[in-house]
Amino acid sequence: MATVITERAGASGAATQARGRLFRDQPRWFSTLFMVDMWERFSFYGMTAILYLYLSAPATEGGFGLPAGNAAAVFGTYMSLMFICSLPGGWLADRVLGARKAVLLGGASIALGHYAMSIPVRSSLYFGLFFVIIGTGLAKPAISSLVSSPYPNDNERREATMSIFYMSIQISAFLAPVITGILGEKVNWHLGFGAAAVGMTFGLIQYVAGNRQFGDLGMAAERPIDTERLRVVVRRGVYAAAAVIVLFTADAVSGAFKMQHVLALCGVLTITLPIVFFLKLRRNPALDGADRSRLVAFVWLLLGSSVFWLLYAQGGSVLNAFAKDHTDRDVLGWTVPASWFQSAHPLFILALAPLFAMLWVRLGRRVDVPVKFAGALLFVGVSFLLMAVAAQLAIAGGLVSPGWLLVVYLVQVCGELALAPIGISLAVQVAPPGFTHQYLGLFWLFAALGAGIGGQLAQLSEVLPLPTYFLIFGLLACAAGVVLALAVRALRRRLLAS
């Protein structure tokens, strides 16, 4: 990045030519936002590394005491709701709060949620997860908006800046499971959640301390909603919340309430939202025939991506359980925490992302988006087929080498690099002017669909023999990859429609 940032029209000193202390050729506030996001991701990855393990651990060991299948369902539902809440969170930042307030309120909500989970009271878990989900939905889209805001008409600078910013996620994702894992598994589960809370608190302190560096950037909503329309939205939101509260209150009073009822409602929401959102978007009169053709092809690819996320999102639940119960974790007489395996993903991403970037440039149009999506599904399918072999070896001969899980995570990361950044880029590419955020929202809704269904289906790991479980889902993903590969020409034709 040899040039300096040009001052953004209409903004005060927010995007001046001043260089940041930690990052050359970036505005002074960039390092502040980088550190805030790093701490926010530390709290997220730190908690997800131990959440399933805590949920499934017996009460006698300080855990929540859920059956393994229910714990996996809760974990999958939590992951899907994280994706879903980014949609209303982004809307609030864009139309009501402004990005700066959304980051502050979202970060405070995340910290409050983690602090609640650090309290050794069963009910605090539900309150904690609620606040973490709401806070993440507010903070993450707003942070991304602030990072890209100085480059409204410079795609190359924006992509380069986002690449630097992406490092914060991988650094946190690598370190967080190591710290919260050893605290949670070796000392106390709630201490692990408390470490995630402290991390987010550090991020908030740094954000407030560096507040002046932003100037006017992100202070006001970019497209403020009119007062009357806001009243309608608030009224509908209150009605929907009241209906849910009445429903579950009646369920509790009747004595029939179970955790499965909440999971079922979340499952219905996860399935219906992507469909409703797609149909509403397709009927939008601003879209012409070519736009709708591209949208349909995009959604077919997103359905394939849902299968990918269905398997991939089980890394924190079913694969974490395999690490705990069937993997030899003894190193010189010391047992490595199972949650430490969650650090393998970011480590492999940091190592492989530059190689994949060079590979895509070298291959060019010969390997386009449908081919990459098909390859991603085959990668994740093969990873589960490898898990089927590892599970069979575990049944036959006891604990297996940790190399099995490491290879599986390596193969999955190859699939992620062929799908996640490619899908986001495709959303921007095929979206008509003014629809970019809606297409990105559609991408994450289908990711939520896969994660949510995967969480529910993970309960089958308690019913089926583990090798059979991995074999079924591995073959499912491979079959979906083959179907996409066979449909490449048709999808390519629709995506290029004009």
Protein backbone atom coordinates (compact mmCIF):
# COMPACT_ATOMS: atom_id res chain seq x y z
CA MET A 1 0.00 0.00 0.00
CA ALA A 2 2.19 2.80 -1.25
CA THR A 3 -0.36 5.60 -1.34
CA VAL A 4 -2.07 7.38 1.49
CA ILE A 5 -5.78 7.62 2.06
CA THR A 6 -7.55 10.55 0.53
CA GLU A 7 -9.91 12.47 2.74
CA ARG A 8 -13.48 11.34 2.30
CA ALA A 9 -15.87 13.98 1.05
CA GLY A 10 -18.13 15.34 3.76
CA ALA A 11 -16.29 13.61 6.61
CA SER A 12 -14.20 15.42 9.17
CA GLY A 13 -10.80 14.13 10.25
CA ALA A 14 -12.04 10.51 10.24
CA ALA A 15 -10.42 9.48 6.99
CA THR A 16 -7.55 11.92 6.77
CA GLN A 17 -4.13 11.28 5.34
CA ALA A 18 -2.70 10.62 8.79
CA ARG A 19 -1.04 7.25 9.12
CA GLY A 20 -1.97 4.95 11.93
CA ARG A 21 0.61 4.14 14.54
CA LEU A 22 0.41 0.40 13.95
CA PHE A 23 -0.63 0.21 10.28
CA ARG A 24 0.98 2.26 7.56
CA ASP A 25 -1.25 4.09 5.08
CA GLN A 26 -4.36 3.52 7.18
CA PRO A 27 -6.39 6.13 9.09
CA ARG A 28 -5.41 6.56 12.74
CA TRP A 29 -8.57 4.86 13.95
CA PHE A 30 -7.86 1.68 11.97
CA SER A 31 -5.60 0.19 14.63
CA THR A 32 -8.25 0.90 17.28
CA LEU A 33 -10.92 -0.91 15.27
CA PHE A 34 -8.51 -3.75 14.47
CA MET A 35 -7.89 -4.35 18.19
CA VAL A 36 -11.60 -4.08 19.05
CA ASP A 37 -12.45 -6.71 16.46
CA MET A 38 -9.58 -8.90 17.63
CA TRP A 39 -10.92 -8.85 21.21
CA GLU A 40 -14.49 -9.40 20.01
CA ARG A 41 -13.36 -12.43 18.01
CA PHE A 42 -11.30 -13.60 21.00
CA SER A 43 -14.47 -13.66 23.11
CA PHE A 44 -16.42 -15.42 20.34
CA TYR A 45 -13.90 -18.15 19.50
CA GLY A 46 -12.95 -18.56 23.14
CA MET A 47 -16.54 -19.26 24.09
CA THR A 48 -17.39 -21.50 21.13
CA ALA A 49 -14.29 -23.62 21.82
CA ILE A 50 -15.67 -24.68 25.20
CA LEU A 51 -19.45 -24.14 24.86
CA TYR A 52 -20.32 -27.63 23.62
CA LEU A 53 -17.88 -29.25 26.04
CA TYR A 54 -19.47 -27.35 28.93
CA LEU A 55 -23.02 -28.14 27.81
CA SER A 56 -22.29 -31.88 27.54
CA ALA A 57 -20.08 -32.18 30.65
CA PRO A 58 -21.79 -33.90 33.64
CA ALA A 59 -22.99 -31.68 36.46
CA THR A 60 -20.63 -33.56 38.78
CA GLU A 61 -17.75 -32.12 36.73
CA GLY A 62 -19.15 -28.60 36.81
CA GLY A 63 -20.84 -28.88 33.40
CA PHE A 64 -24.39 -28.16 32.32
CA GLY A 65 -25.26 -31.85 32.08
CA LEU A 66 -27.10 -32.00 28.74
CA PRO A 67 -27.09 -35.20 26.70
CA ALA A 68 -24.49 -34.95 23.94
CA GLY A 69 -27.14 -34.77 21.20
CA ASN A 70 -29.02 -31.92 22.88
CA ALA A 71 -25.75 -30.10 23.52
CA ALA A 72 -24.90 -30.34 19.81
CA ALA A 73 -28.37 -29.02 18.91
CA VAL A 74 -27.98 -26.03 21.24
CA PHE A 75 -24.53 -25.30 19.80
CA GLY A 76 -25.81 -25.49 16.20
CA THR A 77 -28.80 -23.28 17.01
CA TYR A 78 -26.53 -20.74 18.64
CA MET A 79 -24.30 -20.64 15.53
CA SER A 80 -27.25 -20.24 13.17
CA LEU A 81 -28.77 -17.41 15.24
CA MET A 82 -25.41 -15.63 15.13
CA PHE A 83 -25.63 -15.60 11.34
CA ILE A 84 -29.29 -14.59 11.31
CA CYS A 85 -28.92 -11.66 13.72
CA SER A 86 -26.34 -10.02 11.47
CA LEU A 87 -29.24 -9.11 9.16
CA PRO A 88 -31.34 -7.03 11.61
CA GLY A 89 -28.13 -5.84 13.27
CA GLY A 90 -26.83 -4.44 10.01
CA TRP A 91 -30.21 -2.81 9.35
CA LEU A 92 -30.19 -1.09 12.76
CA ALA A 93 -26.66 0.22 12.20
CA ASP A 94 -27.53 1.45 8.71
CA ARG A 95 -30.95 2.95 9.39
CA VAL A 96 -31.20 3.81 13.11
CA LEU A 97 -28.09 3.77 15.30
CA GLY A 98 -25.13 4.52 13.09
CA ALA A 99 -22.13 2.19 12.94
CA ARG A 100 -20.28 3.69 15.94
CA LYS A 101 -23.17 3.26 18.38
CA ALA A 102 -23.89 -0.21 17.02
CA VAL A 103 -20.30 -1.30 17.76
CA LEU A 104 -20.45 0.16 21.28
CA LEU A 105 -23.85 -1.31 22.17
CA GLY A 106 -23.03 -4.63 20.52
CA GLY A 107 -19.72 -4.94 22.34
CA ALA A 108 -21.34 -4.09 25.67
CA SER A 109 -24.03 -6.71 25.06
CA ILE A 110 -21.39 -9.35 24.21
CA ALA A 111 -19.41 -8.55 27.36
CA LEU A 112 -22.59 -8.66 29.48
CA GLY A 113 -23.48 -12.04 27.98
CA HIS A 114 -20.08 -13.53 28.73
CA TYR A 115 -20.13 -12.16 32.27
CA ALA A 116 -23.55 -13.75 32.75
CA MET A 117 -22.17 -17.10 31.58
CA SER A 118 -19.30 -16.81 34.05
CA ILE A 119 -21.84 -16.97 36.91
CA PRO A 120 -22.30 -20.61 38.07
CA VAL A 121 -26.12 -20.51 37.82
CA ARG A 122 -27.95 -22.58 35.19
CA SER A 123 -30.34 -19.83 34.09
CA SER A 124 -27.41 -17.48 33.45
CA LEU A 125 -26.43 -19.58 30.43
CA TYR A 126 -29.61 -18.67 28.54
CA PHE A 127 -29.36 -14.98 29.37
CA GLY A 128 -25.70 -15.02 28.40
CA LEU A 129 -26.25 -16.66 25.02
CA PHE A 130 -29.10 -14.24 24.28
CA PHE A 131 -26.96 -11.16 24.93
CA VAL A 132 -23.98 -12.56 23.02
CA ILE A 133 -26.15 -13.34 19.97
CA ILE A 134 -27.78 -9.88 19.99
CA GLY A 135 -24.45 -8.13 20.54
CA THR A 136 -22.65 -10.00 17.77
CA GLY A 137 -25.48 -9.25 15.35
CA LEU A 138 -25.06 -5.55 16.12
CA ALA A 139 -21.28 -5.29 16.26
CA LYS A 140 -19.98 -7.40 13.37
CA PRO A 141 -21.78 -5.74 10.40
CA ALA A 142 -21.06 -2.29 11.86
CA ILE A 143 -17.34 -3.03 12.25
CA SER A 144 -17.13 -4.24 8.64
CA SER A 145 -18.95 -1.11 7.49
CA LEU A 146 -16.54 1.19 9.34
CA VAL A 147 -13.47 -0.61 8.00
CA SER A 148 -14.56 -0.31 4.36
CA SER A 149 -16.06 3.20 4.66
CA PRO A 150 -13.00 5.24 3.59
CA TYR A 151 -12.90 3.50 0.19
CA PRO A 152 -16.39 3.91 -1.35
CA ASN A 153 -15.08 3.88 -4.95
CA ASP A 154 -11.83 1.96 -4.63
CA ASN A 155 -12.45 -1.79 -4.76
CA GLU A 156 -8.77 -2.76 -4.70
CA ARG A 157 -7.95 -0.66 -1.62
CA ARG A 158 -11.08 -1.88 0.17
CA GLU A 159 -10.27 -5.54 -0.52
CA ALA A 160 -6.65 -5.07 0.56
CA THR A 161 -7.73 -3.36 3.78
CA MET A 162 -10.27 -6.09 4.53
CA SER A 163 -7.52 -8.68 4.01
CA ILE A 164 -5.39 -6.98 6.67
CA PHE A 165 -8.40 -6.75 8.95
CA TYR A 166 -9.13 -10.44 8.44
CA MET A 167 -5.90 -11.14 10.30
CA SER A 168 -7.57 -10.02 13.54
CA ILE A 169 -10.05 -12.88 13.22
CA GLN A 170 -7.38 -15.51 12.66
CA ILE A 171 -5.09 -14.27 15.44
CA SER A 172 -7.99 -14.37 17.89
CA ALA A 173 -9.30 -17.68 16.60
CA PHE A 174 -5.89 -19.25 17.18
CA LEU A 175 -5.20 -17.84 20.66
CA ALA A 176 -8.67 -17.88 22.22
CA PRO A 177 -9.22 -21.68 22.39
CA VAL A 178 -5.77 -22.09 23.95
CA ILE A 179 -6.54 -19.68 26.79
CA THR A 180 -10.22 -20.37 27.45
CA GLY A 181 -9.70 -24.09 26.84
CA ILE A 182 -7.10 -24.56 29.54
CA LEU A 183 -9.08 -22.39 31.98
CA GLY A 184 -12.40 -24.07 31.24
CA GLU A 185 -11.30 -27.70 30.99
CA LYS A 186 -8.52 -27.68 33.56
CA VAL A 187 -9.79 -25.19 36.16
CA ASN A 188 -13.45 -24.15 35.88
CA TRP A 189 -15.83 -23.81 32.95
CA HIS A 190 -17.16 -20.46 34.13
CA LEU A 191 -13.64 -19.11 34.43
CA GLY A 192 -13.21 -19.85 30.74
CA PHE A 193 -16.34 -17.85 29.92
CA GLY A 194 -15.06 -15.11 32.23
CA ALA A 195 -11.83 -14.89 30.22
CA ALA A 196 -13.93 -14.25 27.10
CA ALA A 197 -15.78 -11.49 29.00
CA VAL A 198 -12.51 -9.85 30.08
CA GLY A 199 -11.29 -9.92 26.49
CA MET A 200 -14.38 -8.10 25.24
CA THR A 201 -14.09 -5.59 28.07
CA PHE A 202 -10.53 -4.77 26.97
CA GLY A 203 -11.87 -4.21 23.47
CA LEU A 204 -14.56 -1.82 24.70
CA ILE A 205 -12.09 0.17 26.80
CA GLN A 206 -9.80 0.56 23.80
CA TYR A 207 -12.73 1.54 21.59
CA VAL A 208 -13.91 4.28 23.97
CA ALA A 209 -10.35 5.52 24.50
CA GLY A 210 -9.81 5.84 20.75
CA ASN A 211 -13.22 7.35 20.07
CA ARG A 212 -11.90 10.80 19.13
CA GLN A 213 -9.84 9.35 16.28
CA PHE A 214 -12.99 8.58 14.30
CA GLY A 215 -14.19 12.15 13.95
CA ASP A 216 -17.71 12.11 12.47
CA LEU A 217 -17.27 8.76 10.76
CA GLY A 218 -20.13 6.41 11.60
CA MET A 219 -21.78 8.76 14.08
CA ALA A 220 -25.09 8.95 12.23
CA ALA A 221 -27.09 6.36 10.32
CA GLU A 222 -26.20 6.37 6.62
CA ARG A 223 -29.81 6.02 5.48
CA PRO A 224 -31.89 7.15 8.49
CA ILE A 225 -35.41 5.79 8.58
CA ASP A 226 -38.27 8.24 8.96
CA THR A 227 -39.96 8.43 12.35
CA GLU A 228 -43.31 7.04 11.27
CA ARG A 229 -41.75 4.02 9.55
CA LEU A 230 -39.58 3.39 12.64
CA ARG A 231 -42.71 3.36 14.84
CA VAL A 232 -44.24 0.71 12.58
CA VAL A 233 -41.11 -1.45 12.75
CA VAL A 234 -40.89 -1.10 16.56
CA ARG A 235 -44.58 -1.92 16.95
CA ARG A 236 -44.26 -5.07 14.85
CA GLY A 237 -41.15 -6.10 16.75
CA VAL A 238 -42.96 -5.67 20.07
CA TYR A 239 -45.90 -7.73 18.83
CA ALA A 240 -43.59 -10.54 17.66
CA ALA A 241 -41.65 -10.53 20.95
CA ALA A 242 -44.89 -10.50 22.95
CA ALA A 243 -46.23 -13.46 20.99
CA VAL A 244 -43.07 -15.48 21.71
CA ILE A 245 -43.14 -14.54 25.41
CA VAL A 246 -46.82 -15.49 25.75
CA LEU A 247 -46.23 -18.77 23.92
CA PHE A 248 -43.36 -19.86 26.15
CA THR A 249 -45.01 -18.54 29.32
CA ALA A 250 -48.04 -20.70 28.60
CA ASP A 251 -45.73 -23.60 27.85
CA ALA A 252 -43.92 -23.12 31.17
CA VAL A 253 -47.13 -22.69 33.20
CA SER A 254 -48.55 -25.88 31.75
CA GLY A 255 -45.49 -27.74 32.97
CA ALA A 256 -44.72 -29.06 29.48
CA PHE A 257 -41.77 -26.77 28.74
CA LYS A 258 -38.63 -28.43 27.38
CA MET A 259 -35.44 -27.15 25.80
CA GLN A 260 -36.52 -28.89 22.59
CA HIS A 261 -39.43 -26.44 22.24
CA VAL A 262 -37.04 -23.48 22.01
CA LEU A 263 -34.80 -25.39 19.60
CA ALA A 264 -37.81 -26.27 17.44
CA LEU A 265 -38.90 -22.62 17.20
CA CYS A 266 -35.37 -21.55 16.30
CA GLY A 267 -35.23 -24.35 13.73
CA VAL A 268 -38.43 -23.15 12.06
CA LEU A 269 -37.05 -19.60 12.00
CA THR A 270 -33.77 -20.79 10.49
CA ILE A 271 -35.54 -22.66 7.70
CA THR A 272 -38.25 -20.13 6.83
CA LEU A 273 -36.21 -16.90 6.88
CA PRO A 274 -33.92 -17.71 3.91
CA ILE A 275 -36.89 -18.85 1.83
CA VAL A 276 -39.08 -15.84 2.68
CA PHE A 277 -36.21 -13.41 2.15
CA PHE A 278 -35.35 -14.94 -1.23
CA LEU A 279 -38.96 -14.89 -2.47
CA LYS A 280 -39.41 -11.28 -1.37
CA LEU A 281 -36.18 -10.28 -3.06
CA ARG A 282 -37.10 -12.11 -6.27
CA ARG A 283 -40.42 -10.23 -6.47
CA ASN A 284 -38.75 -6.84 -6.10
CA PRO A 285 -39.81 -4.73 -9.12
CA ALA A 286 -36.35 -3.13 -9.29
CA LEU A 287 -34.93 -6.45 -10.54
CA ASP A 288 -35.14 -7.20 -14.26
CA GLY A 289 -35.18 -10.62 -15.92
CA ALA A 290 -31.39 -10.95 -16.03
CA ASP A 291 -31.14 -9.97 -12.36
CA ARG A 292 -33.66 -12.65 -11.41
CA SER A 293 -31.83 -15.26 -13.48
CA ARG A 294 -28.58 -14.47 -11.67
CA LEU A 295 -30.39 -14.49 -8.32
CA VAL A 296 -31.82 -17.97 -8.96
CA ALA A 297 -28.36 -19.33 -9.86
CA PHE A 298 -26.93 -17.62 -6.78
CA VAL A 299 -29.50 -19.30 -4.54
CA TRP A 300 -28.81 -22.74 -6.03
CA LEU A 301 -25.17 -22.22 -5.10
CA LEU A 302 -26.24 -21.07 -1.64
CA LEU A 303 -28.22 -24.27 -1.17
CA GLY A 304 -25.00 -26.14 -1.87
CA SER A 305 -23.20 -23.91 0.61
CA SER A 306 -25.83 -24.85 3.23
CA VAL A 307 -24.69 -28.47 2.94
CA PHE A 308 -21.11 -27.30 3.44
CA TRP A 309 -22.01 -25.31 6.59
CA LEU A 310 -24.11 -28.22 7.85
CA LEU A 311 -20.93 -30.29 8.18
CA TYR A 312 -18.43 -27.52 8.85
CA ALA A 313 -20.37 -26.07 11.80
CA GLN A 314 -20.11 -29.42 13.61
CA GLY A 315 -16.43 -28.76 14.27
CA GLY A 316 -17.27 -27.20 17.62
CA SER A 317 -19.68 -29.97 18.63
CA VAL A 318 -19.35 -33.48 17.14
CA LEU A 319 -15.67 -33.15 16.23
CA ASN A 320 -14.96 -31.53 19.60
CA ALA A 321 -16.62 -34.53 21.24
CA PHE A 322 -14.47 -36.87 19.16
CA ALA A 323 -11.38 -34.99 20.31
CA LYS A 324 -12.46 -35.38 23.93
CA ASP A 325 -13.58 -39.02 23.89
CA HIS A 326 -11.67 -40.79 21.11
CA THR A 327 -8.39 -38.95 20.55
CA ASP A 328 -5.09 -39.64 22.26
CA ARG A 329 -4.29 -36.26 23.84
CA ASP A 330 -1.51 -37.35 26.14
CA VAL A 331 1.76 -35.43 25.71
CA LEU A 332 4.54 -36.36 28.15
CA GLY A 333 2.01 -37.29 30.78
CA TRP A 334 -0.12 -34.13 30.33
CA THR A 335 -3.56 -34.24 28.70
CA VAL A 336 -4.01 -31.59 26.03
CA PRO A 337 -7.43 -29.84 26.33
CA ALA A 338 -9.83 -31.01 23.63
CA SER A 339 -10.75 -27.41 22.84
CA TRP A 340 -7.20 -26.73 21.63
CA PHE A 341 -7.98 -28.57 18.40
CA GLN A 342 -10.22 -25.59 17.52
CA SER A 343 -7.02 -23.59 16.96
CA ALA A 344 -6.13 -25.80 14.00
CA HIS A 345 -8.60 -24.08 11.67
CA PRO A 346 -7.19 -20.55 11.91
CA LEU A 347 -3.63 -21.86 11.82
CA PHE A 348 -4.31 -23.66 8.54
CA ILE A 349 -6.15 -20.62 7.13
CA LEU A 350 -3.20 -18.34 7.86
CA ALA A 351 -0.90 -20.84 6.13
CA LEU A 352 -3.09 -21.67 3.12
CA ALA A 353 -4.97 -18.43 2.31
CA PRO A 354 -2.04 -16.86 0.37
CA LEU A 355 -1.53 -20.09 -1.56
CA PHE A 356 -5.20 -20.28 -2.54
CA ALA A 357 -5.19 -16.61 -3.54
CA MET A 358 -2.28 -17.28 -5.93
CA LEU A 359 -3.98 -20.44 -7.17
CA TRP A 360 -7.19 -18.59 -8.09
CA VAL A 361 -5.18 -15.96 -9.99
CA ARG A 362 -3.23 -18.63 -11.86
CA LEU A 363 -6.31 -20.68 -12.77
CA GLY A 364 -8.37 -17.63 -13.71
CA ARG A 365 -11.71 -18.26 -15.40
CA ARG A 366 -10.94 -21.92 -16.02
CA VAL A 367 -12.09 -22.58 -12.44
CA ASP A 368 -15.05 -20.28 -11.79
CA VAL A 369 -17.44 -20.01 -8.84
CA PRO A 370 -19.66 -23.09 -9.48
CA VAL A 371 -16.55 -25.28 -9.82
CA LYS A 372 -15.09 -23.89 -6.59
CA PHE A 373 -18.36 -24.50 -4.72
CA ALA A 374 -18.48 -28.07 -6.00
CA GLY A 375 -14.88 -28.54 -4.89
CA ALA A 376 -15.66 -27.14 -1.44
CA LEU A 377 -18.46 -29.68 -0.98
CA LEU A 378 -16.18 -32.51 -2.05
CA PHE A 379 -13.51 -31.33 0.40
CA VAL A 380 -15.88 -31.23 3.37
CA GLY A 381 -17.43 -34.55 2.30
CA VAL A 382 -14.01 -36.22 2.15
CA SER A 383 -13.23 -34.80 5.61
CA PHE A 384 -16.23 -36.64 7.07
CA LEU A 385 -15.32 -39.82 5.19
CA LEU A 386 -11.92 -39.60 6.88
CA MET A 387 -13.71 -39.15 10.20
CA ALA A 388 -15.68 -42.33 9.47
CA VAL A 389 -12.37 -44.22 9.15
CA ALA A 390 -11.01 -42.60 12.33
CA ALA A 391 -14.21 -43.45 14.24
CA GLN A 392 -14.01 -47.07 13.09
CA LEU A 393 -10.39 -47.28 14.25
CA ALA A 394 -11.39 -45.77 17.61
CA ILE A 395 -14.11 -48.38 18.06
CA ALA A 396 -11.78 -51.20 17.10
CA GLY A 397 -8.64 -50.14 18.98
CA GLY A 398 -9.32 -47.31 21.41
CA LEU A 399 -7.89 -43.80 21.16
CA VAL A 400 -6.64 -42.65 17.75
CA SER A 401 -3.81 -40.34 16.80
CA PRO A 402 -4.55 -36.56 16.87
CA GLY A 403 -3.23 -36.56 13.32
CA TRP A 404 -6.64 -37.73 12.12
CA LEU A 405 -8.39 -34.59 13.40
CA LEU A 406 -5.61 -32.33 12.16
CA VAL A 407 -5.85 -33.77 8.64
CA VAL A 408 -9.65 -33.45 8.74
CA TYR A 409 -9.41 -29.78 9.74
CA LEU A 410 -6.82 -29.19 7.01
CA VAL A 411 -9.15 -30.65 4.36
CA GLN A 412 -12.09 -28.61 5.70
CA VAL A 413 -10.07 -25.39 5.55
CA CYS A 414 -9.34 -26.11 1.86
CA GLY A 415 -13.10 -26.29 1.38
CA GLU A 416 -13.71 -23.10 3.36
CA LEU A 417 -11.20 -21.15 1.27
CA ALA A 418 -12.95 -22.36 -1.90
CA LEU A 419 -16.39 -21.31 -0.65
CA ALA A 420 -16.63 -18.60 2.04
CA PRO A 421 -14.61 -15.72 0.50
CA ILE A 422 -15.69 -16.76 -3.00
CA GLY A 423 -19.38 -16.69 -2.01
CA ILE A 424 -19.09 -13.24 -0.45
CA SER A 425 -17.32 -11.94 -3.55
CA LEU A 426 -20.01 -13.49 -5.78
CA ALA A 427 -22.76 -11.79 -3.76
CA VAL A 428 -21.17 -8.41 -4.45
CA GLN A 429 -20.63 -9.32 -8.11
CA VAL A 430 -24.18 -10.44 -8.99
CA ALA A 431 -26.07 -7.92 -6.85
CA PRO A 432 -27.71 -5.07 -8.79
CA PRO A 433 -26.84 -1.53 -7.62
CA GLY A 434 -28.39 -0.87 -4.22
CA PHE A 435 -28.87 -4.56 -3.38
CA THR A 436 -25.39 -5.56 -2.21
CA HIS A 437 -26.23 -5.76 1.50
CA GLN A 438 -29.37 -7.80 0.80
CA TYR A 439 -27.42 -10.34 -1.29
CA LEU A 440 -24.78 -10.56 1.44
CA GLY A 441 -27.58 -11.07 3.96
CA LEU A 442 -28.93 -13.88 1.80
CA PHE A 443 -25.49 -15.53 1.82
CA TRP A 444 -25.39 -15.56 5.64
CA LEU A 445 -29.01 -16.68 5.96
CA PHE A 446 -28.23 -19.82 3.97
CA ALA A 447 -25.12 -20.32 6.12
CA ALA A 448 -27.45 -20.12 9.12
CA LEU A 449 -29.73 -22.66 7.47
CA GLY A 450 -26.89 -25.15 7.17
CA ALA A 451 -25.55 -24.54 10.70
CA GLY A 452 -29.01 -24.80 12.24
CA ILE A 453 -29.98 -28.01 10.47
CA GLY A 454 -26.54 -29.42 11.19
CA GLY A 455 -27.03 -28.76 14.89
CA GLN A 456 -30.32 -30.62 14.89
CA LEU A 457 -29.00 -33.54 12.85
CA ALA A 458 -25.95 -33.77 15.12
CA GLN A 459 -28.27 -35.41 17.66
CA LEU A 460 -28.10 -38.48 15.41
CA SER A 461 -24.51 -38.96 16.55
CA GLU A 462 -26.00 -40.29 19.79
CA VAL A 463 -28.30 -42.71 17.93
CA LEU A 464 -26.19 -43.99 15.03
CA PRO A 465 -22.82 -45.69 15.30
CA LEU A 466 -20.24 -42.92 14.92
CA PRO A 467 -18.62 -44.36 11.76
CA THR A 468 -22.07 -44.62 10.15
CA TYR A 469 -22.92 -41.05 11.15
CA PHE A 470 -19.79 -39.63 9.54
CA LEU A 471 -20.18 -41.87 6.48
CA ILE A 472 -23.76 -40.73 5.80
CA PHE A 473 -22.96 -37.02 5.97
CA GLY A 474 -19.70 -37.42 4.09
CA LEU A 475 -21.53 -39.14 1.22
CA LEU A 476 -24.28 -36.47 1.35
CA ALA A 477 -21.76 -33.65 0.87
CA CYS A 478 -19.91 -35.54 -1.89
CA ALA A 479 -23.20 -36.19 -3.69
CA ALA A 480 -24.12 -32.49 -3.43
CA GLY A 481 -20.70 -31.63 -4.84
CA VAL A 482 -21.20 -33.97 -7.80
CA VAL A 483 -24.65 -32.47 -8.49
CA LEU A 484 -23.18 -28.95 -8.52
CA ALA A 485 -20.36 -30.12 -10.79
CA LEU A 486 -22.91 -31.53 -13.26
CA ALA A 487 -24.85 -28.24 -13.15
CA VAL A 488 -21.81 -26.01 -13.74
CA ARG A 489 -22.72 -25.07 -17.33
CA ALA A 490 -26.30 -24.18 -16.49
CA LEU A 491 -25.28 -22.16 -13.43
CA ARG A 492 -22.52 -20.40 -15.35
CA ARG A 493 -25.00 -19.42 -18.10
CA ARG A 494 -27.43 -17.93 -15.57
CA LEU A 495 -24.72 -16.07 -13.65
CA LEU A 496 -23.53 -14.47 -16.88
CA ALA A 497 -27.04 -13.54 -18.01
CA SER A 498 -27.34 -9.99 -19.33
